[in-house]
PDB file of N, CA and C in Angstrom:
ATOM      1  N   MET A   1       0.747  -0.960  -0.211  1.00  0.00           N
ATOM      2  CA  MET A   1       0.064  -0.025   0.328  1.00  0.00           C
ATOM      3  C   MET A   1       0.801   1.251   0.076  1.00  0.00           C
ATOM      4  N   GLY A   2       2.149   1.008   0.560  1.00  0.00           N
ATOM      5  CA  GLY A   2       2.644   2.566   0.672  1.00  0.00           C
ATOM      6  C   GLY A   2       3.216   2.693  -0.617  1.00  0.00           C
ATOM      7  N   VAL A   3       3.780   1.663  -1.615  1.00  0.00           N
ATOM      8  CA  VAL A   3       4.174   1.744  -2.990  1.00  0.00           C
ATOM      9  C   VAL A   3       3.069   2.404  -3.658  1.00  0.00           C
ATOM     10  N   LEU A   4       1.940   2.457  -3.498  1.00  0.00           N
ATOM     11  CA  LEU A   4       0.793   2.610  -4.645  1.00  0.00           C
ATOM     12  C   LEU A   4       0.765   4.478  -3.987  1.00  0.00           C
ATOM     13  N   VAL A   5       1.114   5.099  -3.053  1.00  0.00           N
ATOM     14  CA  VAL A   5       1.173   6.057  -2.380  1.00  0.00           C
ATOM     15  C   VAL A   5       2.380   7.011  -2.832  1.00  0.00           C
ATOM     16  N   TRP A   6       3.319   6.480  -2.735  1.00  0.00           N
ATOM     17  CA  TRP A   6       4.735   6.993  -3.577  1.00  0.00           C
ATOM     18  C   TRP A   6       4.578   6.987  -4.884  1.00  0.00           C
ATOM     19  N   LEU A   7       3.799   6.587  -5.670  1.00  0.00           N
ATOM     20  CA  LEU A   7       3.586   6.357  -7.105  1.00  0.00           C
ATOM     21  C   LEU A   7       2.469   7.302  -7.589  1.00  0.00           C
ATOM     22  N   LEU A   8       1.330   7.443  -6.707  1.00  0.00           N
ATOM     23  CA  LEU A   8       0.381   8.464  -6.485  1.00  0.00           C
ATOM     24  C   LEU A   8       0.693   9.969  -6.743  1.00  0.00           C
ATOM     25  N   ILE A   9       2.228  10.072  -5.517  1.00  0.00           N
ATOM     26  CA  ILE A   9       2.889  11.669  -5.747  1.00  0.00           C
ATOM     27  C   ILE A   9       3.133  12.119  -7.077  1.00  0.00           C
ATOM     28  N   PRO A  10       3.721  11.211  -7.701  1.00  0.00           N
ATOM     29  CA  PRO A  10       4.550  11.867  -9.143  1.00  0.00           C
ATOM     30  C   PRO A  10       3.044  11.830 -10.157  1.00  0.00           C
ATOM     31  N   LEU A  11       2.303  10.984 -10.071  1.00  0.00           N
ATOM     32  CA  LEU A  11       1.324  11.163 -10.791  1.00  0.00           C
ATOM     33  C   LEU A  11       0.177  12.212 -10.680  1.00  0.00           C
ATOM     34  N   VAL A  12       0.054  12.450  -9.256  1.00  0.00           N
ATOM     35  CA  VAL A  12      -0.641  14.205  -8.939  1.00  0.00           C
ATOM     36  C   VAL A  12       0.087  15.108  -9.533  1.00  0.00           C
ATOM     37  N   ALA A  13       1.516  14.858  -9.373  1.00  0.00           N
ATOM     38  CA  ALA A  13       2.334  15.924  -9.838  1.00  0.00           C
ATOM     39  C   ALA A  13       2.118  16.513 -11.083  1.00  0.00           C
ATOM     40  N   ALA A  14       2.338  15.207 -11.970  1.00  0.00           N
ATOM     41  CA  ALA A  14       2.227  15.753 -13.451  1.00  0.00           C
ATOM     42  C   ALA A  14       0.721  16.013 -13.910  1.00  0.00           C
ATOM     43  N   ILE A  15      -0.144  15.536 -13.189  1.00  0.00           N
ATOM     44  CA  ILE A  15      -1.410  15.996 -13.996  1.00  0.00           C
ATOM     45  C   ILE A  15      -1.720  17.602 -13.387  1.00  0.00           C
ATOM     46  N   GLY A  16      -1.098  17.817 -12.190  1.00  0.00           N
ATOM     47  CA  GLY A  16      -1.115  19.354 -11.933  1.00  0.00           C
ATOM     48  C   GLY A  16      -0.089  20.169 -12.644  1.00  0.00           C
ATOM     49  N   GLY A  17       0.823  19.619 -13.053  1.00  0.00           N
ATOM     50  CA  GLY A  17       1.758  20.104 -14.234  1.00  0.00           C
ATOM     51  C   GLY A  17       1.016  20.365 -15.249  1.00  0.00           C
ATOM     52  N   GLY A  18       1.001  19.039 -15.928  1.00  0.00           N
ATOM     53  CA  GLY A  18      -0.297  19.521 -17.070  1.00  0.00           C
ATOM     54  C   GLY A  18      -1.404  20.483 -16.988  1.00  0.00           C
ATOM     55  N   LEU A  19      -2.068  20.253 -15.937  1.00  0.00           N
ATOM     56  CA  LEU A  19      -2.925  21.612 -15.786  1.00  0.00           C
ATOM     57  C   LEU A  19      -2.221  23.000 -15.572  1.00  0.00           C
ATOM     58  N   TRP A  20      -1.515  23.417 -15.227  1.00  0.00           N
ATOM     59  CA  TRP A  20      -0.759  24.542 -14.865  1.00  0.00           C
ATOM     60  C   TRP A  20      -0.198  24.923 -16.481  1.00  0.00           C
ATOM     61  N   GLY A  21       0.295  24.077 -17.352  1.00  0.00           N
ATOM     62  CA  GLY A  21       0.857  24.018 -18.456  1.00  0.00           C
ATOM     63  C   GLY A  21      -0.118  24.569 -19.175  1.00  0.00           C
ATOM     64  N   THR A  22      -1.212  23.903 -19.291  1.00  0.00           N
ATOM     65  CA  THR A  22      -2.620  24.143 -19.921  1.00  0.00           C
ATOM     66  C   THR A  22      -3.151  25.691 -19.711  1.00  0.00           C
ATOM     67  N   TRP A  23      -3.354  26.181 -18.654  1.00  0.00           N
ATOM     68  CA  TRP A  23      -3.599  27.255 -18.144  1.00  0.00           C
ATOM     69  C   TRP A  23      -2.494  28.526 -18.427  1.00  0.00           C
ATOM     70  N   ALA A  24      -1.419  28.152 -18.344  1.00  0.00           N
ATOM     71  CA  ALA A  24      -0.350  28.963 -18.333  1.00  0.00           C
ATOM     72  C   ALA A  24      -0.311  29.413 -20.259  1.00  0.00           C
ATOM     73  N   ASN A  25      -0.776  28.380 -21.042  1.00  0.00           N
ATOM     74  CA  ASN A  25      -0.520  28.890 -22.329  1.00  0.00           C
ATOM     75  C   ASN A  25      -1.713  28.744 -22.863  1.00  0.00           C
ATOM     76  N   ARG A  26      -3.016  29.480 -22.158  1.00  0.00           N
ATOM     77  CA  ARG A  26      -4.011  29.377 -22.797  1.00  0.00           C
ATOM     78  C   ARG A  26      -4.070  30.891 -23.727  1.00  0.00           C
ATOM     79  N   THR A  27      -4.977  30.703 -24.756  1.00  0.00           N
ATOM     80  CA  THR A  27      -5.149  31.868 -25.683  1.00  0.00           C
ATOM     81  C   THR A  27      -5.338  33.398 -25.177  1.00  0.00           C
ATOM     82  N   ARG A  28      -4.561  34.100 -25.582  1.00  0.00           N
ATOM     83  CA  ARG A  28      -4.712  35.580 -24.816  1.00  0.00           C
ATOM     84  C   ARG A  28      -4.755  36.489 -26.392  1.00  0.00           C
ATOM     85  N   LYS A  29      -5.030  37.497 -25.564  1.00  0.00           N
ATOM     86  CA  LYS A  29      -4.864  39.026 -27.072  1.00  0.00           C
ATOM     87  C   LYS A  29      -3.647  38.787 -27.403  1.00  0.00           C
ATOM     88  N   THR A  30      -3.170  38.274 -28.530  1.00  0.00           N
ATOM     89  CA  THR A  30      -1.658  38.666 -28.601  1.00  0.00           C
ATOM     90  C   THR A  30      -1.536  40.432 -29.567  1.00  0.00           C
ATOM     91  N   ARG A  31      -0.483  40.789 -28.713  1.00  0.00           N
ATOM     92  CA  ARG A  31       0.076  41.989 -29.051  1.00  0.00           C
ATOM     93  C   ARG A  31       0.739  42.224 -30.054  1.00  0.00           C
ATOM     94  N   GLY A  32       1.528  41.417 -30.735  1.00  0.00           N
ATOM     95  CA  GLY A  32       2.268  41.150 -32.200  1.00  0.00           C
ATOM     96  C   GLY A  32       3.707  41.780 -31.596  1.00  0.00           C
ATOM     97  N   ASP A  33       4.358  41.948 -32.514  1.00  0.00           N
ATOM     98  CA  ASP A  33       5.504  42.785 -32.413  1.00  0.00           C
ATOM     99  C   ASP A  33       5.887  44.050 -32.449  1.00  0.00           C
ATOM    100  N   GLY A  34       4.896  44.670 -33.013  1.00  0.00           N
ATOM    101  CA  GLY A  34       5.014  45.856 -32.960  1.00  0.00           C
ATOM    102  C   GLY A  34       5.714  46.553 -31.645  1.00  0.00           C
ATOM    103  N   PRO A  35       4.961  46.319 -30.436  1.00  0.00           N
ATOM    104  CA  PRO A  35       5.344  47.483 -29.401  1.00  0.00           C
ATOM    105  C   PRO A  35       7.129  47.211 -28.727  1.00  0.00           C
ATOM    106  N   GLU A  36       7.462  46.305 -29.405  1.00  0.00           N
ATOM    107  CA  GLU A  36       8.913  45.511 -28.913  1.00  0.00           C
ATOM    108  C   GLU A  36       9.730  46.300 -30.005  1.00  0.00           C
ATOM    109  N   LEU A  37       9.171  45.579 -31.228  1.00  0.00           N
ATOM    110  CA  LEU A  37       9.893  46.618 -32.271  1.00  0.00           C
ATOM    111  C   LEU A  37      10.288  48.006 -32.015  1.00  0.00           C
ATOM    112  N   ASP A  38       9.185  49.164 -31.924  1.00  0.00           N
ATOM    113  CA  ASP A  38       9.364  50.095 -31.736  1.00  0.00           C
ATOM    114  C   ASP A  38      10.478  50.274 -30.470  1.00  0.00           C
ATOM    115  N   GLY A  39      10.696  49.685 -29.481  1.00  0.00           N
ATOM    116  CA  GLY A  39      11.373  50.147 -28.608  1.00  0.00           C
ATOM    117  C   GLY A  39      12.652  49.777 -29.053  1.00  0.00           C
ATOM    118  N   TYR A  40      13.054  49.018 -29.534  1.00  0.00           N
ATOM    119  CA  TYR A  40      14.130  48.466 -30.166  1.00  0.00           C
ATOM    120  C   TYR A  40      14.633  49.132 -30.819  1.00  0.00           C
ATOM    121  N   ALA A  41      14.102  49.678 -31.977  1.00  0.00           N
ATOM    122  CA  ALA A  41      14.694  50.978 -32.851  1.00  0.00           C
ATOM    123  C   ALA A  41      14.838  52.077 -32.051  1.00  0.00           C
ATOM    124  N   ARG A  42      13.964  52.469 -30.986  1.00  0.00           N
ATOM    125  CA  ARG A  42      14.494  53.653 -29.898  1.00  0.00           C
ATOM    126  C   ARG A  42      15.628  53.236 -29.443  1.00  0.00           C
ATOM    127  N   PHE A  43      16.120  52.095 -29.251  1.00  0.00           N
ATOM    128  CA  PHE A  43      17.136  51.956 -28.284  1.00  0.00           C
ATOM    129  C   PHE A  43      18.619  52.226 -29.255  1.00  0.00           C
ATOM    130  N   ARG A  44      18.145  51.199 -30.504  1.00  0.00           N
ATOM    131  CA  ARG A  44      19.288  51.641 -31.405  1.00  0.00           C
ATOM    132  C   ARG A  44      19.153  53.072 -31.878  1.00  0.00           C
ATOM    133  N   GLU A  45      18.301  54.060 -32.013  1.00  0.00           N
ATOM    134  CA  GLU A  45      18.945  55.096 -32.252  1.00  0.00           C
ATOM    135  C   GLU A  45      19.446  56.204 -30.792  1.00  0.00           C
ATOM    136  N   ALA A  46      19.179  55.956 -29.710  1.00  0.00           N
ATOM    137  CA  ALA A  46      20.044  55.993 -28.765  1.00  0.00           C
ATOM    138  C   ALA A  46      21.678  55.571 -28.608  1.00  0.00           C
ATOM    139  N   MET A  47      21.365  54.527 -28.872  1.00  0.00           N
ATOM    140  CA  MET A  47      22.813  53.784 -29.023  1.00  0.00           C
ATOM    141  C   MET A  47      23.706  54.673 -30.139  1.00  0.00           C
ATOM    142  N   GLU A  48      23.252  55.071 -31.446  1.00  0.00           N
ATOM    143  CA  GLU A  48      23.838  55.858 -32.785  1.00  0.00           C
ATOM    144  C   GLU A  48      24.164  56.936 -32.136  1.00  0.00           C
ATOM    145  N   LYS A  49      23.394  57.827 -31.511  1.00  0.00           N
ATOM    146  CA  LYS A  49      23.436  58.845 -31.326  1.00  0.00           C
ATOM    147  C   LYS A  49      24.731  59.306 -30.181  1.00  0.00           C
ATOM    148  N   SER A  50      24.564  58.126 -28.951  1.00  0.00           N
ATOM    149  CA  SER A  50      25.655  58.620 -27.825  1.00  0.00           C
ATOM    150  C   SER A  50      26.755  57.999 -28.838  1.00  0.00           C
ATOM    151  N   HIS A  51      27.259  57.582 -29.631  1.00  0.00           N
ATOM    152  CA  HIS A  51      28.318  57.000 -30.155  1.00  0.00           C
ATOM    153  C   HIS A  51      28.825  58.038 -31.365  1.00  0.00           C
ATOM    154  N   THR A  52      27.927  58.989 -31.805  1.00  0.00           N
ATOM    155  CA  THR A  52      28.483  59.720 -32.882  1.00  0.00           C
ATOM    156  C   THR A  52      29.682  60.747 -32.710  1.00  0.00           C
ATOM    157  N   GLY A  53      29.254  61.089 -31.463  1.00  0.00           N
ATOM    158  CA  GLY A  53      30.525  62.114 -31.019  1.00  0.00           C
ATOM    159  C   GLY A  53      31.492  61.787 -30.195  1.00  0.00           C
ATOM    160  N   ALA A  54      31.861  60.679 -29.892  1.00  0.00           N
ATOM    161  CA  ALA A  54      32.353  60.046 -28.718  1.00  0.00           C
ATOM    162  C   ALA A  54      33.702  59.956 -29.058  1.00  0.00           C
ATOM    163  N   ARG A  55      34.555  59.382 -30.134  1.00  0.00           N
ATOM    164  CA  ARG A  55      35.488  59.534 -30.317  1.00  0.00           C
ATOM    165  C   ARG A  55      35.803  59.480 -32.171  1.00  0.00           C
ATOM    166  N   GLY A  56      36.881  59.864 -32.539  1.00  0.00           N
ATOM    167  CA  GLY A  56      36.803  59.724 -33.723  1.00  0.00           C
ATOM    168  C   GLY A  56      37.595  58.376 -34.064  1.00  0.00           C
ATOM    169  N   ALA A  57      36.974  57.559 -34.656  1.00  0.00           N
ATOM    170  CA  ALA A  57      37.461  55.987 -34.667  1.00  0.00           C
ATOM    171  C   ALA A  57      38.387  56.075 -36.053  1.00  0.00           C
TER     172      ALA A  57
END
């Protein structure tokens, strides 16, 4: 009987992990890459501005 209890622990953990994974990956409203790409473009512009007058390469 004790062996069955020890086998149930990973089974319950696997079922709980599967339910959590399903919940975590549920369909959400996708934003797309727009905001991230805009932020990256601003970052690149800022880095270019900071390096233009620094040293004469």
